[in-house]
């Protein structure tokens, strides 16, 4: 399994709800139309900003989170991932994604990377 993570922040001036609505109603269908056949799973993990200050993320003097969603795109294997990346590298398709992102994502804050996911294990203690 190949797992790509994107950490995204909303464009200044958008509420968290406006960001989420656009992502779910416009961006997700766009991505699925481009690479849906290559994806094994596509998850969006939205930050509950109400829990950040003094909540589950708390640490003394910790800054508020500077992102709104952690996106998780899973591919069954390297071949599926490579086929999806071919689509995203196509100039016309890349322009479609970029054009949409410019309406709701702070692209200067966008971070995208592959991870090596480890699951399972035993409790310590």
PDB file of N, CA and C in Angstrom:
ATOM      1  N   UNK A   1       0.863  -1.181   0.000  1.00  0.00           N
ATOM      2  CA  UNK A   1       0.000   0.000   0.000  1.00  0.00           C
ATOM      3  C   UNK A   1       0.902   1.235   0.000  1.00  0.00           C
ATOM      4  N   UNK A   2       0.604   2.165  -0.880  1.00  0.00           N
ATOM      5  CA  UNK A   2       1.289   3.460  -0.945  1.00  0.00           C
ATOM      6  C   UNK A   2       0.327   4.495  -0.378  1.00  0.00           C
ATOM      7  N   UNK A   3       0.818   5.336   0.523  1.00  0.00           N
ATOM      8  CA  UNK A   3      -0.050   6.319   1.170  1.00  0.00           C
ATOM      9  C   UNK A   3       0.542   7.715   1.007  1.00  0.00           C
ATOM     10  N   UNK A   4      -0.241   8.598   0.379  1.00  0.00           N
ATOM     11  CA  UNK A   4       0.136   9.988   0.198  1.00  0.00           C
ATOM     12  C   UNK A   4      -0.682  10.822   1.169  1.00  0.00           C
ATOM     13  N   UNK A   5      -0.006  11.719   1.869  1.00  0.00           N
ATOM     14  CA  UNK A   5      -0.659  12.620   2.818  1.00  0.00           C
ATOM     15  C   UNK A   5      -0.542  14.043   2.290  1.00  0.00           C
ATOM     16  N   UNK A   6      -1.632  14.785   2.370  1.00  0.00           N
ATOM     17  CA  UNK A   6      -1.617  16.216   2.075  1.00  0.00           C
ATOM     18  C   UNK A   6      -2.153  16.941   3.307  1.00  0.00           C
ATOM     19  N   UNK A   7      -1.398  17.901   3.787  1.00  0.00           N
ATOM     20  CA  UNK A   7      -1.813  18.730   4.914  1.00  0.00           C
ATOM     21  C   UNK A   7      -2.174  20.085   4.317  1.00  0.00           C
ATOM     22  N   UNK A   8      -3.446  20.452   4.450  1.00  0.00           N
ATOM     23  CA  UNK A   8      -3.953  21.643   3.780  1.00  0.00           C
ATOM     24  C   UNK A   8      -4.536  22.650   4.758  1.00  0.00           C
ATOM     25  N   UNK A   9      -4.341  23.912   4.425  1.00  0.00           N
ATOM     26  CA  UNK A   9      -4.909  25.024   5.191  1.00  0.00           C
ATOM     27  C   UNK A   9      -5.868  25.789   4.302  1.00  0.00           C
ATOM     28  N   UNK A  10      -6.891  26.335   4.919  1.00  0.00           N
ATOM     29  CA  UNK A  10      -7.863  27.084   4.126  1.00  0.00           C
ATOM     30  C   UNK A  10      -7.296  28.450   3.737  1.00  0.00           C
ATOM     31  N   UNK A  11      -7.802  28.951   2.645  1.00  0.00           N
ATOM     32  CA  UNK A  11      -7.424  30.262   2.143  1.00  0.00           C
ATOM     33  C   UNK A  11      -7.883  31.322   3.150  1.00  0.00           C
ATOM     34  N   UNK A  12      -7.056  32.343   3.413  1.00  0.00           N
ATOM     35  CA  UNK A  12      -7.483  33.398   4.329  1.00  0.00           C
ATOM     36  C   UNK A  12      -8.834  33.976   3.918  1.00  0.00           C
ATOM     37  N   UNK A  13      -9.677  34.197   4.899  1.00  0.00           N
ATOM     38  CA  UNK A  13     -11.000  34.743   4.653  1.00  0.00           C
ATOM     39  C   UNK A  13     -12.102  33.705   4.571  1.00  0.00           C
ATOM     40  N   UNK A  14     -11.730  32.428   4.440  1.00  0.00           N
ATOM     41  CA  UNK A  14     -12.729  31.354   4.410  1.00  0.00           C
ATOM     42  C   UNK A  14     -12.926  30.788   5.808  1.00  0.00           C
ATOM     43  N   UNK A  15     -14.147  30.485   6.137  1.00  0.00           N
ATOM     44  CA  UNK A  15     -14.413  29.797   7.400  1.00  0.00           C
ATOM     45  C   UNK A  15     -14.065  28.325   7.234  1.00  0.00           C
ATOM     46  N   UNK A  16     -13.912  27.638   8.348  1.00  0.00           N
ATOM     47  CA  UNK A  16     -13.653  26.199   8.304  1.00  0.00           C
ATOM     48  C   UNK A  16     -14.792  25.485   7.581  1.00  0.00           C
ATOM     49  N   UNK A  17     -16.010  25.930   7.810  1.00  0.00           N
ATOM     50  CA  UNK A  17     -17.170  25.298   7.159  1.00  0.00           C
ATOM     51  C   UNK A  17     -17.162  25.538   5.647  1.00  0.00           C
ATOM     52  N   UNK A  18     -16.833  26.759   5.214  1.00  0.00           N
ATOM     53  CA  UNK A  18     -16.761  27.046   3.781  1.00  0.00           C
ATOM     54  C   UNK A  18     -15.673  26.185   3.118  1.00  0.00           C
ATOM     55  N   UNK A  19     -14.536  26.062   3.797  1.00  0.00           N
ATOM     56  CA  UNK A  19     -13.439  25.235   3.295  1.00  0.00           C
ATOM     57  C   UNK A  19     -13.889  23.792   3.120  1.00  0.00           C
ATOM     58  N   UNK A  20     -14.492  23.257   4.165  1.00  0.00           N
ATOM     59  CA  UNK A  20     -14.920  21.857   4.135  1.00  0.00           C
ATOM     60  C   UNK A  20     -15.992  21.619   3.066  1.00  0.00           C
ATOM     61  N   UNK A  21     -16.952  22.521   2.977  1.00  0.00           N
ATOM     62  CA  UNK A  21     -18.014  22.382   1.984  1.00  0.00           C
ATOM     63  C   UNK A  21     -17.441  22.364   0.572  1.00  0.00           C
ATOM     64  N   UNK A  22     -16.526  23.291   0.285  1.00  0.00           N
ATOM     65  CA  UNK A  22     -15.930  23.317  -1.048  1.00  0.00           C
ATOM     66  C   UNK A  22     -15.127  22.044  -1.302  1.00  0.00           C
ATOM     67  N   UNK A  23     -14.352  21.639  -0.316  1.00  0.00           N
ATOM     68  CA  UNK A  23     -13.539  20.438  -0.488  1.00  0.00           C
ATOM     69  C   UNK A  23     -14.426  19.235  -0.815  1.00  0.00           C
ATOM     70  N   UNK A  24     -15.470  19.041  -0.025  1.00  0.00           N
ATOM     71  CA  UNK A  24     -16.319  17.859  -0.197  1.00  0.00           C
ATOM     72  C   UNK A  24     -17.199  17.924  -1.445  1.00  0.00           C
ATOM     73  N   UNK A  25     -17.720  19.099  -1.759  1.00  0.00           N
ATOM     74  CA  UNK A  25     -18.694  19.195  -2.848  1.00  0.00           C
ATOM     75  C   UNK A  25     -18.086  19.492  -4.213  1.00  0.00           C
ATOM     76  N   UNK A  26     -16.859  20.058  -4.224  1.00  0.00           N
ATOM     77  CA  UNK A  26     -16.246  20.423  -5.500  1.00  0.00           C
ATOM     78  C   UNK A  26     -14.927  19.672  -5.713  1.00  0.00           C
ATOM     79  N   UNK A  27     -14.024  19.755  -4.747  1.00  0.00           N
ATOM     80  CA  UNK A  27     -12.688  19.201  -4.958  1.00  0.00           C
ATOM     81  C   UNK A  27     -12.670  17.668  -4.967  1.00  0.00           C
ATOM     82  N   UNK A  28     -13.362  17.057  -4.028  1.00  0.00           N
ATOM     83  CA  UNK A  28     -13.389  15.591  -3.996  1.00  0.00           C
ATOM     84  C   UNK A  28     -13.933  15.029  -5.311  1.00  0.00           C
ATOM     85  N   UNK A  29     -15.069  15.512  -5.810  1.00  0.00           N
ATOM     86  CA  UNK A  29     -15.534  14.985  -7.103  1.00  0.00           C
ATOM     87  C   UNK A  29     -14.525  15.207  -8.238  1.00  0.00           C
ATOM     88  N   UNK A  30     -13.816  16.344  -8.229  1.00  0.00           N
ATOM     89  CA  UNK A  30     -12.806  16.591  -9.244  1.00  0.00           C
ATOM     90  C   UNK A  30     -11.688  15.550  -9.161  1.00  0.00           C
ATOM     91  N   UNK A  31     -11.158  15.333  -7.966  1.00  0.00           N
ATOM     92  CA  UNK A  31     -10.071  14.363  -7.791  1.00  0.00           C
ATOM     93  C   UNK A  31     -10.538  12.964  -8.180  1.00  0.00           C
ATOM     94  N   UNK A  32     -11.728  12.601  -7.746  1.00  0.00           N
ATOM     95  CA  UNK A  32     -12.239  11.266  -8.095  1.00  0.00           C
ATOM     96  C   UNK A  32     -12.432  11.110  -9.596  1.00  0.00           C
ATOM     97  N   UNK A  33     -12.827  12.182 -10.271  1.00  0.00           N
ATOM     98  CA  UNK A  33     -12.994  12.095 -11.726  1.00  0.00           C
ATOM     99  C   UNK A  33     -11.656  11.907 -12.427  1.00  0.00           C
ATOM    100  N   UNK A  34     -10.583  12.379 -11.823  1.00  0.00           N
ATOM    101  CA  UNK A  34      -9.257  12.274 -12.433  1.00  0.00           C
ATOM    102  C   UNK A  34      -8.550  10.971 -12.098  1.00  0.00           C
ATOM    103  N   UNK A  35      -8.571  10.592 -10.805  1.00  0.00           N
ATOM    104  CA  UNK A  35      -7.758   9.438 -10.375  1.00  0.00           C
ATOM    105  C   UNK A  35      -8.517   8.431  -9.536  1.00  0.00           C
ATOM    106  N   UNK A  36      -9.816   8.560  -9.458  1.00  0.00           N
ATOM    107  CA  UNK A  36     -10.608   7.660  -8.624  1.00  0.00           C
ATOM    108  C   UNK A  36     -10.380   6.194  -8.922  1.00  0.00           C
ATOM    109  N   UNK A  37     -10.177   5.854 -10.186  1.00  0.00           N
ATOM    110  CA  UNK A  37      -9.967   4.444 -10.545  1.00  0.00           C
ATOM    111  C   UNK A  37      -8.651   3.896 -10.005  1.00  0.00           C
ATOM    112  N   UNK A  38      -7.721   4.775  -9.644  1.00  0.00           N
ATOM    113  CA  UNK A  38      -6.419   4.350  -9.133  1.00  0.00           C
ATOM    114  C   UNK A  38      -6.362   4.311  -7.610  1.00  0.00           C
ATOM    115  N   UNK A  39      -7.329   4.945  -6.958  1.00  0.00           N
ATOM    116  CA  UNK A  39      -7.331   5.049  -5.495  1.00  0.00           C
ATOM    117  C   UNK A  39      -7.910   3.812  -4.835  1.00  0.00           C
ATOM    118  N   UNK A  40      -7.275   3.380  -3.756  1.00  0.00           N
ATOM    119  CA  UNK A  40      -7.846   2.332  -2.909  1.00  0.00           C
ATOM    120  C   UNK A  40      -8.726   2.966  -1.835  1.00  0.00           C
ATOM    121  N   UNK A  41      -8.384   4.200  -1.423  1.00  0.00           N
ATOM    122  CA  UNK A  41      -9.138   4.905  -0.385  1.00  0.00           C
ATOM    123  C   UNK A  41      -8.758   6.376  -0.436  1.00  0.00           C
ATOM    124  N   UNK A  42      -9.688   7.240  -0.063  1.00  0.00           N
ATOM    125  CA  UNK A  42      -9.477   8.697  -0.080  1.00  0.00           C
ATOM    126  C   UNK A  42     -10.176   9.252   1.141  1.00  0.00           C
ATOM    127  N   UNK A  43      -9.404   9.630   2.150  1.00  0.00           N
ATOM    128  CA  UNK A  43      -9.963  10.115   3.417  1.00  0.00           C
ATOM    129  C   UNK A  43      -9.560  11.559   3.664  1.00  0.00           C
ATOM    130  N   UNK A  44     -10.483  12.308   4.276  1.00  0.00           N
ATOM    131  CA  UNK A  44     -10.209  13.660   4.711  1.00  0.00           C
ATOM    132  C   UNK A  44     -10.448  13.704   6.209  1.00  0.00           C
ATOM    133  N   UNK A  45      -9.446  14.141   6.942  1.00  0.00           N
ATOM    134  CA  UNK A  45      -9.502  14.225   8.405  1.00  0.00           C
ATOM    135  C   UNK A  45      -9.471  15.701   8.788  1.00  0.00           C
ATOM    136  N   UNK A  46     -10.648  16.255   9.076  1.00  0.00           N
ATOM    137  CA  UNK A  46     -10.762  17.678   9.370  1.00  0.00           C
ATOM    138  C   UNK A  46     -10.439  17.956  10.832  1.00  0.00           C
ATOM    139  N   UNK A  47      -9.666  19.008  11.063  1.00  0.00           N
ATOM    140  CA  UNK A  47      -9.324  19.415  12.417  1.00  0.00           C
ATOM    141  C   UNK A  47     -10.566  19.961  13.108  1.00  0.00           C
ATOM    142  N   UNK A  48     -10.793  19.523  14.328  1.00  0.00           N
ATOM    143  CA  UNK A  48     -11.841  20.102  15.165  1.00  0.00           C
ATOM    144  C   UNK A  48     -11.164  21.224  15.939  1.00  0.00           C
ATOM    145  N   UNK A  49     -11.208  22.424  15.377  1.00  0.00           N
ATOM    146  CA  UNK A  49     -10.471  23.556  15.950  1.00  0.00           C
ATOM    147  C   UNK A  49     -10.928  23.900  17.363  1.00  0.00           C
ATOM    148  N   UNK A  50     -12.125  23.499  17.730  1.00  0.00           N
ATOM    149  CA  UNK A  50     -12.614  23.769  19.087  1.00  0.00           C
ATOM    150  C   UNK A  50     -11.816  22.997  20.129  1.00  0.00           C
ATOM    151  N   UNK A  51     -11.140  21.929  19.727  1.00  0.00           N
ATOM    152  CA  UNK A  51     -10.375  21.113  20.675  1.00  0.00           C
ATOM    153  C   UNK A  51      -8.909  21.509  20.766  1.00  0.00           C
ATOM    154  N   UNK A  52      -8.470  22.432  19.934  1.00  0.00           N
ATOM    155  CA  UNK A  52      -7.042  22.736  19.841  1.00  0.00           C
ATOM    156  C   UNK A  52      -6.529  23.487  21.057  1.00  0.00           C
ATOM    157  N   UNK A  53      -7.145  24.572  21.437  1.00  0.00           N
ATOM    158  CA  UNK A  53      -6.659  25.381  22.552  1.00  0.00           C
ATOM    159  C   UNK A  53      -7.063  24.752  23.877  1.00  0.00           C
ATOM    160  N   UNK A  54      -6.084  24.218  24.584  1.00  0.00           N
ATOM    161  CA  UNK A  54      -6.349  23.619  25.884  1.00  0.00           C
ATOM    162  C   UNK A  54      -6.979  22.244  25.824  1.00  0.00           C
ATOM    163  N   UNK A  55      -7.135  21.716  24.631  1.00  0.00           N
ATOM    164  CA  UNK A  55      -7.788  20.422  24.478  1.00  0.00           C
ATOM    165  C   UNK A  55      -6.804  19.310  24.196  1.00  0.00           C
ATOM    166  N   UNK A  56      -7.180  18.418  23.305  1.00  0.00           N
ATOM    167  CA  UNK A  56      -6.386  17.222  23.038  1.00  0.00           C
ATOM    168  C   UNK A  56      -5.013  17.533  22.463  1.00  0.00           C
ATOM    169  N   UNK A  57      -4.827  18.710  21.906  1.00  0.00           N
ATOM    170  CA  UNK A  57      -3.554  19.088  21.304  1.00  0.00           C
ATOM    171  C   UNK A  57      -2.693  19.898  22.273  1.00  0.00           C
ATOM    172  N   UNK A  58      -3.152  20.104  23.488  1.00  0.00           N
ATOM    173  CA  UNK A  58      -2.575  21.110  24.366  1.00  0.00           C
ATOM    174  C   UNK A  58      -1.170  20.791  24.834  1.00  0.00           C
ATOM    175  N   UNK A  59      -0.399  21.824  24.869  1.00  0.00           N
ATOM    176  CA  UNK A  59       0.905  21.845  25.496  1.00  0.00           C
ATOM    177  C   UNK A  59       1.124  23.289  25.908  1.00  0.00           C
ATOM    178  N   UNK A  60       1.786  23.519  27.022  1.00  0.00           N
ATOM    179  CA  UNK A  60       1.978  24.904  27.470  1.00  0.00           C
ATOM    180  C   UNK A  60       2.615  25.759  26.375  1.00  0.00           C
ATOM    181  N   UNK A  61       1.968  26.869  26.057  1.00  0.00           N
ATOM    182  CA  UNK A  61       2.485  27.803  25.075  1.00  0.00           C
ATOM    183  C   UNK A  61       2.435  27.315  23.641  1.00  0.00           C
ATOM    184  N   UNK A  62       1.729  26.236  23.393  1.00  0.00           N
ATOM    185  CA  UNK A  62       1.677  25.672  22.052  1.00  0.00           C
ATOM    186  C   UNK A  62       0.864  26.566  21.129  1.00  0.00           C
ATOM    187  N   UNK A  63       1.382  26.771  19.923  1.00  0.00           N
ATOM    188  CA  UNK A  63       0.677  27.574  18.933  1.00  0.00           C
ATOM    189  C   UNK A  63      -0.523  26.811  18.392  1.00  0.00           C
ATOM    190  N   UNK A  64      -1.568  27.535  17.966  1.00  0.00           N
ATOM    191  CA  UNK A  64      -2.708  26.871  17.348  1.00  0.00           C
ATOM    192  C   UNK A  64      -2.264  26.144  16.073  1.00  0.00           C
ATOM    193  N   UNK A  65      -2.998  25.137  15.702  1.00  0.00           N
ATOM    194  CA  UNK A  65      -2.682  24.418  14.476  1.00  0.00           C
ATOM    195  C   UNK A  65      -2.842  25.347  13.277  1.00  0.00           C
ATOM    196  N   UNK A  66      -1.970  25.197  12.309  1.00  0.00           N
ATOM    197  CA  UNK A  66      -2.017  26.063  11.133  1.00  0.00           C
ATOM    198  C   UNK A  66      -2.543  25.337   9.897  1.00  0.00           C
ATOM    199  N   UNK A  67      -3.321  24.282  10.107  1.00  0.00           N
ATOM    200  CA  UNK A  67      -3.909  23.555   8.988  1.00  0.00           C
ATOM    201  C   UNK A  67      -5.324  23.138   9.347  1.00  0.00           C
ATOM    202  N   UNK A  68      -6.077  22.745   8.322  1.00  0.00           N
ATOM    203  CA  UNK A  68      -7.487  22.423   8.502  1.00  0.00           C
ATOM    204  C   UNK A  68      -7.849  20.978   8.200  1.00  0.00           C
ATOM    205  N   UNK A  69      -7.043  20.307   7.411  1.00  0.00           N
ATOM    206  CA  UNK A  69      -7.359  18.925   7.039  1.00  0.00           C
ATOM    207  C   UNK A  69      -6.075  18.153   6.750  1.00  0.00           C
ATOM    208  N   UNK A  70      -6.116  16.891   7.107  1.00  0.00           N
ATOM    209  CA  UNK A  70      -5.078  15.953   6.700  1.00  0.00           C
ATOM    210  C   UNK A  70      -5.765  14.988   5.744  1.00  0.00           C
ATOM    211  N   UNK A  71      -5.329  15.030   4.501  1.00  0.00           N
ATOM    212  CA  UNK A  71      -5.906  14.184   3.468  1.00  0.00           C
ATOM    213  C   UNK A  71      -5.028  12.947   3.301  1.00  0.00           C
ATOM    214  N   UNK A  72      -5.671  11.820   3.156  1.00  0.00           N
ATOM    215  CA  UNK A  72      -5.003  10.523   3.087  1.00  0.00           C
ATOM    216  C   UNK A  72      -5.479   9.831   1.813  1.00  0.00           C
ATOM    217  N   UNK A  73      -4.575   9.701   0.850  1.00  0.00           N
ATOM    218  CA  UNK A  73      -4.899   9.033  -0.416  1.00  0.00           C
ATOM    219  C   UNK A  73      -4.094   7.741  -0.465  1.00  0.00           C
ATOM    220  N   UNK A  74      -4.802   6.617  -0.513  1.00  0.00           N
ATOM    221  CA  UNK A  74      -4.144   5.308  -0.500  1.00  0.00           C
ATOM    222  C   UNK A  74      -4.262   4.648  -1.860  1.00  0.00           C
ATOM    223  N   UNK A  75      -3.148   4.041  -2.255  1.00  0.00           N
ATOM    224  CA  UNK A  75      -3.047   3.324  -3.527  1.00  0.00           C
ATOM    225  C   UNK A  75      -2.656   1.885  -3.219  1.00  0.00           C
ATOM    226  N   UNK A  76      -3.249   0.945  -3.909  1.00  0.00           N
ATOM    227  CA  UNK A  76      -3.022  -0.480  -3.631  1.00  0.00           C
ATOM    228  C   UNK A  76      -1.560  -0.871  -3.803  1.00  0.00           C
ATOM    229  N   UNK A  77      -0.886  -0.233  -4.769  1.00  0.00           N
ATOM    230  CA  UNK A  77       0.514  -0.586  -5.022  1.00  0.00           C
ATOM    231  C   UNK A  77       1.194   0.561  -5.760  1.00  0.00           C
ATOM    232  N   UNK A  78       2.477   0.388  -6.011  1.00  0.00           N
ATOM    233  CA  UNK A  78       3.267   1.437  -6.666  1.00  0.00           C
ATOM    234  C   UNK A  78       2.757   1.715  -8.075  1.00  0.00           C
ATOM    235  N   UNK A  79       2.298   0.697  -8.768  1.00  0.00           N
ATOM    236  CA  UNK A  79       1.796   0.889 -10.129  1.00  0.00           C
ATOM    237  C   UNK A  79       0.563   1.802 -10.139  1.00  0.00           C
ATOM    238  N   UNK A  80      -0.354   1.597  -9.210  1.00  0.00           N
ATOM    239  CA  UNK A  80      -1.547   2.448  -9.119  1.00  0.00           C
ATOM    240  C   UNK A  80      -1.154   3.883  -8.770  1.00  0.00           C
ATOM    241  N   UNK A  81      -0.224   4.031  -7.844  1.00  0.00           N
ATOM    242  CA  UNK A  81       0.274   5.360  -7.470  1.00  0.00           C
ATOM    243  C   UNK A  81       0.900   6.047  -8.685  1.00  0.00           C
ATOM    244  N   UNK A  82       1.754   5.331  -9.406  1.00  0.00           N
ATOM    245  CA  UNK A  82       2.419   5.914 -10.578  1.00  0.00           C
ATOM    246  C   UNK A  82       1.413   6.337 -11.646  1.00  0.00           C
ATOM    247  N   UNK A  83       0.366   5.537 -11.865  1.00  0.00           N
ATOM    248  CA  UNK A  83      -0.664   5.913 -12.842  1.00  0.00           C
ATOM    249  C   UNK A  83      -1.383   7.192 -12.409  1.00  0.00           C
ATOM    250  N   UNK A  84      -1.682   7.312 -11.121  1.00  0.00           N
ATOM    251  CA  UNK A  84      -2.328   8.531 -10.622  1.00  0.00           C
ATOM    252  C   UNK A  84      -1.411   9.740 -10.783  1.00  0.00           C
ATOM    253  N   UNK A  85      -0.131   9.572 -10.499  1.00  0.00           N
ATOM    254  CA  UNK A  85       0.810  10.680 -10.630  1.00  0.00           C
ATOM    255  C   UNK A  85       0.962  11.118 -12.081  1.00  0.00           C
ATOM    256  N   UNK A  86       0.843  10.182 -13.019  1.00  0.00           N
ATOM    257  CA  UNK A  86       0.865  10.538 -14.435  1.00  0.00           C
ATOM    258  C   UNK A  86      -0.283  11.488 -14.759  1.00  0.00           C
ATOM    259  N   UNK A  87      -1.446  11.205 -14.207  1.00  0.00           N
ATOM    260  CA  UNK A  87      -2.603  12.078 -14.427  1.00  0.00           C
ATOM    261  C   UNK A  87      -2.328  13.458 -13.843  1.00  0.00           C
ATOM    262  N   UNK A  88      -1.825  13.520 -12.623  1.00  0.00           N
ATOM    263  CA  UNK A  88      -1.564  14.805 -11.971  1.00  0.00           C
ATOM    264  C   UNK A  88      -0.434  15.584 -12.646  1.00  0.00           C
ATOM    265  N   UNK A  89       0.474  14.907 -13.336  1.00  0.00           N
ATOM    266  CA  UNK A  89       1.569  15.588 -14.043  1.00  0.00           C
ATOM    267  C   UNK A  89       1.131  16.117 -15.406  1.00  0.00           C
ATOM    268  N   UNK A  90       0.020  15.626 -15.918  1.00  0.00           N
ATOM    269  CA  UNK A  90      -0.480  16.134 -17.188  1.00  0.00           C
ATOM    270  C   UNK A  90      -0.797  17.623 -17.012  1.00  0.00           C
ATOM    271  N   UNK A  91      -0.234  18.493 -17.850  1.00  0.00           N
ATOM    272  CA  UNK A  91      -0.422  19.943 -17.649  1.00  0.00           C
ATOM    273  C   UNK A  91      -1.885  20.382 -17.577  1.00  0.00           C
ATOM    274  N   UNK A  92      -2.734  19.824 -18.402  1.00  0.00           N
ATOM    275  CA  UNK A  92      -4.151  20.220 -18.391  1.00  0.00           C
ATOM    276  C   UNK A  92      -4.824  19.797 -17.088  1.00  0.00           C
ATOM    277  N   UNK A  93      -4.540  18.587 -16.626  1.00  0.00           N
ATOM    278  CA  UNK A  93      -5.163  18.100 -15.393  1.00  0.00           C
ATOM    279  C   UNK A  93      -4.581  18.829 -14.177  1.00  0.00           C
ATOM    280  N   UNK A  94      -3.276  19.058 -14.189  1.00  0.00           N
ATOM    281  CA  UNK A  94      -2.645  19.801 -13.090  1.00  0.00           C
ATOM    282  C   UNK A  94      -3.239  21.201 -12.993  1.00  0.00           C
ATOM    283  N   UNK A  95      -3.508  21.813 -14.132  1.00  0.00           N
ATOM    284  CA  UNK A  95      -4.114  23.152 -14.137  1.00  0.00           C
ATOM    285  C   UNK A  95      -5.513  23.125 -13.543  1.00  0.00           C
ATOM    286  N   UNK A  96      -6.283  22.082 -13.833  1.00  0.00           N
ATOM    287  CA  UNK A  96      -7.637  21.963 -13.259  1.00  0.00           C
ATOM    288  C   UNK A  96      -7.574  21.878 -11.732  1.00  0.00           C
ATOM    289  N   UNK A  97      -6.659  21.048 -11.230  1.00  0.00           N
ATOM    290  CA  UNK A  97      -6.523  20.897  -9.776  1.00  0.00           C
ATOM    291  C   UNK A  97      -6.054  22.206  -9.158  1.00  0.00           C
ATOM    292  N   UNK A  98      -5.028  22.815  -9.746  1.00  0.00           N
ATOM    293  CA  UNK A  98      -4.481  24.070  -9.220  1.00  0.00           C
ATOM    294  C   UNK A  98      -5.539  25.172  -9.219  1.00  0.00           C
ATOM    295  N   UNK A  99      -6.286  25.284 -10.314  1.00  0.00           N
ATOM    296  CA  UNK A  99      -7.330  26.312 -10.418  1.00  0.00           C
ATOM    297  C   UNK A  99      -8.359  26.161  -9.300  1.00  0.00           C
ATOM    298  N   UNK A 100      -8.769  24.927  -9.046  1.00  0.00           N
ATOM    299  CA  UNK A 100      -9.739  24.717  -7.978  1.00  0.00           C
ATOM    300  C   UNK A 100      -9.111  25.002  -6.613  1.00  0.00           C
ATOM    301  N   UNK A 101      -7.898  24.518  -6.389  1.00  0.00           N
ATOM    302  CA  UNK A 101      -7.251  24.750  -5.099  1.00  0.00           C
ATOM    303  C   UNK A 101      -7.111  26.238  -4.801  1.00  0.00           C
ATOM    304  N   UNK A 102      -6.873  27.048  -5.814  1.00  0.00           N
ATOM    305  CA  UNK A 102      -6.714  28.484  -5.603  1.00  0.00           C
ATOM    306  C   UNK A 102      -7.976  29.132  -5.035  1.00  0.00           C
ATOM    307  N   UNK A 103      -9.117  28.475  -5.166  1.00  0.00           N
ATOM    308  CA  UNK A 103     -10.363  29.041  -4.640  1.00  0.00           C
ATOM    309  C   UNK A 103     -10.564  28.760  -3.163  1.00  0.00           C
ATOM    310  N   UNK A 104      -9.844  27.756  -2.601  1.00  0.00           N
ATOM    311  CA  UNK A 104     -10.109  27.435  -1.199  1.00  0.00           C
ATOM    312  C   UNK A 104      -8.892  27.027  -0.377  1.00  0.00           C
ATOM    313  N   UNK A 105      -7.758  26.741  -0.990  1.00  0.00           N
ATOM    314  CA  UNK A 105      -6.566  26.283  -0.276  1.00  0.00           C
ATOM    315  C   UNK A 105      -5.509  27.383  -0.254  1.00  0.00           C
ATOM    316  N   UNK A 106      -4.855  27.543   0.893  1.00  0.00           N
ATOM    317  CA  UNK A 106      -3.673  28.404   0.984  1.00  0.00           C
ATOM    318  C   UNK A 106      -2.508  27.569   0.464  1.00  0.00           C
ATOM    319  N   UNK A 107      -2.201  27.713  -0.818  1.00  0.00           N
ATOM    320  CA  UNK A 107      -1.195  26.844  -1.461  1.00  0.00           C
ATOM    321  C   UNK A 107       0.213  27.053  -0.903  1.00  0.00           C
ATOM    322  N   UNK A 108       0.485  28.197  -0.291  1.00  0.00           N
ATOM    323  CA  UNK A 108       1.792  28.406   0.341  1.00  0.00           C
ATOM    324  C   UNK A 108       1.975  27.506   1.561  1.00  0.00           C
ATOM    325  N   UNK A 109       0.879  27.060   2.144  1.00  0.00           N
ATOM    326  CA  UNK A 109       0.922  26.211   3.341  1.00  0.00           C
ATOM    327  C   UNK A 109       0.769  24.727   3.011  1.00  0.00           C
ATOM    328  N   UNK A 110       0.507  24.405   1.762  1.00  0.00           N
ATOM    329  CA  UNK A 110       0.247  23.023   1.339  1.00  0.00           C
ATOM    330  C   UNK A 110       1.514  22.172   1.485  1.00  0.00           C
ATOM    331  N   UNK A 111       1.324  21.007   2.116  1.00  0.00           N
ATOM    332  CA  UNK A 111       2.418  20.049   2.267  1.00  0.00           C
ATOM    333  C   UNK A 111       1.919  18.686   1.811  1.00  0.00           C
ATOM    334  N   UNK A 112       2.682  18.032   0.941  1.00  0.00           N
ATOM    335  CA  UNK A 112       2.306  16.728   0.400  1.00  0.00           C
ATOM    336  C   UNK A 112       3.520  15.815   0.499  1.00  0.00           C
ATOM    337  N   UNK A 113       3.295  14.588   0.994  1.00  0.00           N
ATOM    338  CA  UNK A 113       4.411  13.664   1.165  1.00  0.00           C
ATOM    339  C   UNK A 113       3.889  12.235   1.253  1.00  0.00           C
ATOM    340  N   UNK A 114       4.772  11.292   0.985  1.00  0.00           N
ATOM    341  CA  UNK A 114       4.468   9.874   1.161  1.00  0.00           C
ATOM    342  C   UNK A 114       4.869   9.478   2.570  1.00  0.00           C
ATOM    343  N   UNK A 115       4.139   8.519   3.138  1.00  0.00           N
ATOM    344  CA  UNK A 115       4.471   8.015   4.472  1.00  0.00           C
ATOM    345  C   UNK A 115       4.620   6.504   4.422  1.00  0.00           C
ATOM    346  N   UNK A 116       5.328   6.003   5.406  1.00  0.00           N
ATOM    347  CA  UNK A 116       5.476   4.571   5.613  1.00  0.00           C
ATOM    348  C   UNK A 116       4.586   4.243   6.804  1.00  0.00           C
ATOM    349  N   UNK A 117       3.399   3.746   6.532  1.00  0.00           N
ATOM    350  CA  UNK A 117       2.422   3.490   7.587  1.00  0.00           C
ATOM    351  C   UNK A 117       2.727   2.170   8.313  1.00  0.00           C
ATOM    352  N   UNK A 118       2.693   2.228   9.630  1.00  0.00           N
ATOM    353  CA  UNK A 118       2.867   1.042  10.462  1.00  0.00           C
ATOM    354  C   UNK A 118       1.603   0.900  11.289  1.00  0.00           C
ATOM    355  N   UNK A 119       1.013  -0.277  11.307  1.00  0.00           N
ATOM    356  CA  UNK A 119      -0.195  -0.516  12.085  1.00  0.00           C
ATOM    357  C   UNK A 119       0.049  -1.638  13.076  1.00  0.00           C
ATOM    358  N   UNK A 120      -0.867  -1.740  14.020  1.00  0.00           N
ATOM    359  CA  UNK A 120      -0.785  -2.814  15.004  1.00  0.00           C
ATOM    360  C   UNK A 120       0.238  -2.512  16.067  1.00  0.00           C
ATOM    361  N   UNK A 121       0.595  -3.515  16.809  1.00  0.00           N
ATOM    362  CA  UNK A 121       1.555  -3.346  17.884  1.00  0.00           C
ATOM    363  C   UNK A 121       0.931  -3.720  19.216  1.00  0.00           C
ATOM    364  N   UNK A 122       1.708  -3.576  20.232  1.00  0.00           N
ATOM    365  CA  UNK A 122       1.229  -3.896  21.564  1.00  0.00           C
ATOM    366  C   UNK A 122       1.315  -2.674  22.456  1.00  0.00           C
ATOM    367  N   UNK A 123       0.485  -2.647  23.452  1.00  0.00           N
ATOM    368  CA  UNK A 123       0.488  -1.556  24.406  1.00  0.00           C
ATOM    369  C   UNK A 123       1.740  -1.647  25.277  1.00  0.00           C
ATOM    370  N   UNK A 124       2.286  -0.518  25.605  1.00  0.00           N
ATOM    371  CA  UNK A 124       3.444  -0.442  26.492  1.00  0.00           C
ATOM    372  C   UNK A 124       2.942  -0.221  27.897  1.00  0.00           C
ATOM    373  N   UNK A 125       3.524  -0.935  28.852  1.00  0.00           N
ATOM    374  CA  UNK A 125       3.122  -0.655  30.227  1.00  0.00           C
ATOM    375  C   UNK A 125       2.844  -1.826  30.959  1.00  0.00           C
TER     376      UNK A 125
END
